[in-house]
Amino acid sequence: MVIALSIIHMLSALFLIAVILFQSGKSAGLSGALTGGSSDTFMAKNKGRSLDARLAKITKWVAIAFALVTLVINLII
């Protein structure tokens, strides 16, 4: 059980790092460099959600999952 939770914990940590790196900050970040800065016009067709809004939502849920798995591992050990 602890091994499975540790694997989920590691994968969620890596995914959280990747999602945070793809978010744009004050200087357009890595997502602007990879998408060429045209994400606003491309994503405007998709119900008004931008790439950054989706990444923020994904970041929130992955961070919650990461925190919960961390708490469960600490309670088990």
C-alpha atoms as a PDB file:
ATOM      1  CA  MET A   1       0.000   0.000   0.000  1.00  0.00           C
ATOM      2  CA  VAL A   2       2.786   2.404   0.911  1.00  0.00           C
ATOM      3  CA  ILE A   3       4.660   1.587  -2.292  1.00  0.00           C
ATOM      4  CA  ALA A   4       1.605   2.311  -4.445  1.00  0.00           C
ATOM      5  CA  LEU A   5       0.990   5.602  -2.641  1.00  0.00           C
ATOM      6  CA  SER A   6       4.659   6.524  -2.985  1.00  0.00           C
ATOM      7  CA  ILE A   7       4.496   5.941  -6.738  1.00  0.00           C
ATOM      8  CA  ILE A   8       1.338   8.063  -7.000  1.00  0.00           C
ATOM      9  CA  HIS A   9       3.032  10.714  -4.871  1.00  0.00           C
ATOM     10  CA  MET A  10       6.113  10.826  -7.103  1.00  0.00           C
ATOM     11  CA  LEU A  11       4.072  10.937 -10.316  1.00  0.00           C
ATOM     12  CA  SER A  12       1.835  13.713  -8.996  1.00  0.00           C
ATOM     13  CA  ALA A  13       4.918  15.694  -7.927  1.00  0.00           C
ATOM     14  CA  LEU A  14       6.472  15.402 -11.378  1.00  0.00           C
ATOM     15  CA  PHE A  15       3.181  16.274 -13.085  1.00  0.00           C
ATOM     16  CA  LEU A  16       2.740  19.263 -10.776  1.00  0.00           C
ATOM     17  CA  ILE A  17       6.210  20.539 -11.649  1.00  0.00           C
ATOM     18  CA  ALA A  18       5.501  20.157 -15.366  1.00  0.00           C
ATOM     19  CA  VAL A  19       2.136  21.934 -15.188  1.00  0.00           C
ATOM     20  CA  ILE A  20       3.618  24.823 -13.215  1.00  0.00           C
ATOM     21  CA  LEU A  21       6.445  25.225 -15.734  1.00  0.00           C
ATOM     22  CA  PHE A  22       3.955  25.447 -18.603  1.00  0.00           C
ATOM     23  CA  GLN A  23       2.052  28.323 -17.005  1.00  0.00           C
ATOM     24  CA  SER A  24       2.888  31.796 -18.157  1.00  0.00           C
ATOM     25  CA  GLY A  25       3.960  34.369 -15.644  1.00  0.00           C
ATOM     26  CA  LYS A  26       4.699  38.038 -15.953  1.00  0.00           C
ATOM     27  CA  SER A  27       7.132  37.417 -18.792  1.00  0.00           C
ATOM     28  CA  ALA A  28       4.953  34.910 -20.732  1.00  0.00           C
ATOM     29  CA  GLY A  29       6.849  31.903 -19.309  1.00  0.00           C
ATOM     30  CA  LEU A  30       7.445  28.581 -21.008  1.00  0.00           C
ATOM     31  CA  SER A  31       3.925  28.262 -22.448  1.00  0.00           C
ATOM     32  CA  GLY A  32       4.403  31.405 -24.529  1.00  0.00           C
ATOM     33  CA  ALA A  33       7.717  30.135 -25.805  1.00  0.00           C
ATOM     34  CA  LEU A  34       6.338  26.751 -26.823  1.00  0.00           C
ATOM     35  CA  THR A  35       3.067  27.923 -28.339  1.00  0.00           C
ATOM     36  CA  GLY A  36       4.539  30.953 -30.039  1.00  0.00           C
ATOM     37  CA  GLY A  37       2.373  33.406 -28.131  1.00  0.00           C
ATOM     38  CA  SER A  38      -0.684  32.707 -30.261  1.00  0.00           C
ATOM     39  CA  SER A  39      -2.522  30.705 -27.614  1.00  0.00           C
ATOM     40  CA  ASP A  40      -5.012  33.502 -26.969  1.00  0.00           C
ATOM     41  CA  THR A  41      -6.405  33.509 -30.492  1.00  0.00           C
ATOM     42  CA  PHE A  42      -6.325  29.720 -30.851  1.00  0.00           C
ATOM     43  CA  MET A  43      -7.934  28.982 -27.499  1.00  0.00           C
ATOM     44  CA  ALA A  44     -10.563  31.722 -27.856  1.00  0.00           C
ATOM     45  CA  LYS A  45     -12.596  29.335 -29.984  1.00  0.00           C
ATOM     46  CA  ASN A  46     -12.764  26.836 -27.129  1.00  0.00           C
ATOM     47  CA  LYS A  47     -15.586  28.332 -25.015  1.00  0.00           C
ATOM     48  CA  GLY A  48     -13.511  31.328 -23.993  1.00  0.00           C
ATOM     49  CA  ARG A  49     -10.994  29.364 -21.932  1.00  0.00           C
ATOM     50  CA  SER A  50      -7.385  30.187 -22.415  1.00  0.00           C
ATOM     51  CA  LEU A  51      -4.506  27.801 -22.003  1.00  0.00           C
ATOM     52  CA  ASP A  52      -3.480  29.504 -18.772  1.00  0.00           C
ATOM     53  CA  ALA A  53      -6.946  29.111 -17.280  1.00  0.00           C
ATOM     54  CA  ARG A  54      -6.890  25.390 -18.023  1.00  0.00           C
ATOM     55  CA  LEU A  55      -3.396  25.020 -16.612  1.00  0.00           C
ATOM     56  CA  ALA A  56      -4.427  26.863 -13.443  1.00  0.00           C
ATOM     57  CA  LYS A  57      -7.369  24.504 -12.976  1.00  0.00           C
ATOM     58  CA  ILE A  58      -5.192  21.433 -13.560  1.00  0.00           C
ATOM     59  CA  THR A  59      -2.582  22.812 -11.147  1.00  0.00           C
ATOM     60  CA  LYS A  60      -5.198  23.264  -8.446  1.00  0.00           C
ATOM     61  CA  TRP A  61      -6.491  19.688  -8.668  1.00  0.00           C
ATOM     62  CA  VAL A  62      -3.046  18.107  -8.923  1.00  0.00           C
ATOM     63  CA  ALA A  63      -1.876  20.123  -5.911  1.00  0.00           C
ATOM     64  CA  ILE A  64      -4.906  18.959  -3.905  1.00  0.00           C
ATOM     65  CA  ALA A  65      -4.226  15.347  -4.881  1.00  0.00           C
ATOM     66  CA  PHE A  66      -0.545  15.760  -3.987  1.00  0.00           C
ATOM     67  CA  ALA A  67      -1.407  17.166  -0.558  1.00  0.00           C
ATOM     68  CA  LEU A  68      -3.950  14.419   0.157  1.00  0.00           C
ATOM     69  CA  VAL A  69      -1.555  11.644  -0.836  1.00  0.00           C
ATOM     70  CA  THR A  70       1.119  13.263   1.343  1.00  0.00           C
ATOM     71  CA  LEU A  71      -1.237  13.291   4.333  1.00  0.00           C
ATOM     72  CA  VAL A  72      -2.285   9.674   3.783  1.00  0.00           C
ATOM     73  CA  ILE A  73       1.326   8.519   3.528  1.00  0.00           C
ATOM     74  CA  ASN A  74       2.184  10.360   6.740  1.00  0.00           C
ATOM     75  CA  LEU A  75      -0.773   8.834   8.556  1.00  0.00           C
ATOM     76  CA  ILE A  76       0.116   5.322   7.422  1.00  0.00           C
ATOM     77  CA  ILE A  77       3.799   5.536   8.303  1.00  0.00           C
END
